[in-house]
Amino acid sequence: MNSKSARVAQPFSAEATLKRALRDHLRMLGFTKNDAGDLILPDGGKEVVRNLHRNQWREKMAAAQPLLQRALPKLLPHFANGAEIDPKKIKLRLIRVYSDTPEADLFRVATLTWSVPVSPGFGRRMRYLVWDAGHNRLAGVIALGDPVYNLSVRDNAIGWDVHDRAKRLVGILDAYVLGAVPPYSFLLTGKAVACLVRSKDVLNDFRRTYGKTVGVISKSAKHAKLLAVTTTSSMGRSSVYNRLKLGDVTYLNPLGFTKGFGHFHITDSLFDKMRAYLREKDHAYADQHVFGEGPNWRLRTIRAALVGLRVNENILKHGIQRQVFISTLAENAYEVLKAGKARPDFSSLLSVSEISDLARERWIVPRAERGEIDYQSWTRDQIPNLIKRKVELPTAEKRRTG
């Protein structure tokens, strides 16, 4: 074979290798396909979702090892022992997290305890440690970032057409990290953490950080106001976010479910191979990931690779539907988001401190007094094992691979 023929054959070989890796990956996860090319989920409920994330967890844990070795011994004392917590003295506040700080390390370690891998977020970002000032311990974490551009249940609830959405999506953020860490999670503190996104503190942080920014793509002044925050359950229907009210105020409203379409089942290593494939073809999406490209860049990149590989795009229909919620910071948020004319009414917003007090009496103290769960036996020394268990093989898979 001459050198010219070798150069022609090489892209085909790389393409075939990538297609085979993609098929093997989906088969290993337990997916099958129907006649239309849609993926069919294996049976098993929430445990299936956890298993589908297991390879992502392995990749994230490999990347996190330097952080864990360097920082975990110093960070562990910030987590609480259950026995030292007096639920009546819990007092939540928000600490803003910035990159390359000890707070950022603590935030990242806390998210490694989550049930599913956490995205780094896209575009605008506001991250927080939820701190229990009453015990000087970490109670939870919050991260807000740019929302998904196409989300039909959100757009239908607001009454948006494509033009409305393009103009006013800037008034929404998405809570892509939202919850409590043990032992606070045992005391329903996750409900309190979720309520904190609808606070004066978050509104004011947004106003200071993004209120006078210029759009990266449009190059026009946005004068953005944070009108609403969306969030999505990690696994189906959420028991934490449903019926989330304090007094007469509803803090999260359910909007419906996603369509089970996305890219979470495509691991970072597969995604990197797809980018390398597109880069060889001089495709713009291979490296189009600067600020402003938004959370849809990864999906667009995967779709472009699938088209180039001549693989049915229906493999992005993974079938896992997640419940979508919205927290409206303005009383008339839908009206402002729909028409863009009315003045936002933020009169019902409370401070983080006020929300903390209400949530403590509504959920945390009653949960402790009912004695439904033994939060007091939890120790911070269990955190490393909690992180490690995310990547351990389930029993059935151990038998298959042993």
Foldseek 3Di string as FASTA:
>chain_A
DDPVVVVVVVLVVLLVVLVVVVVVLCVVLPWDADPVRATDQDDDAPVSLLSLQQVQLVVVVVVCVVLCVPPVVVLLVQADFLQVDDLLQFFKDKDWDDPPDNVVSNQVLQQLLDSHHADPAAFDKTKIFTAGPSRNHTWFIWMKHQDDQDDVLVCVVLVDDNVLSVQQSLQEIETRGAATGPPNVLLLCSLLRLLQCLAPVVQVVCCVPQQFDAAPVVRHTNNYGRFKYKYKDSAADDPSQPPRDFDPDRFKDWRFKGQQFADSSQHPVSLLSLLVSVVVVVHPLSPPRDRNPGPCSSVVSVVVSCVVSVHPSSHRNRPGMIIMMMGGQFPCSSVCSHPVPDDTHNPPHHHSRVSSNRCSVVTRVVSVVVVPDCRNNGDSVCSVVSSVVSNDDPPVVVVVVD
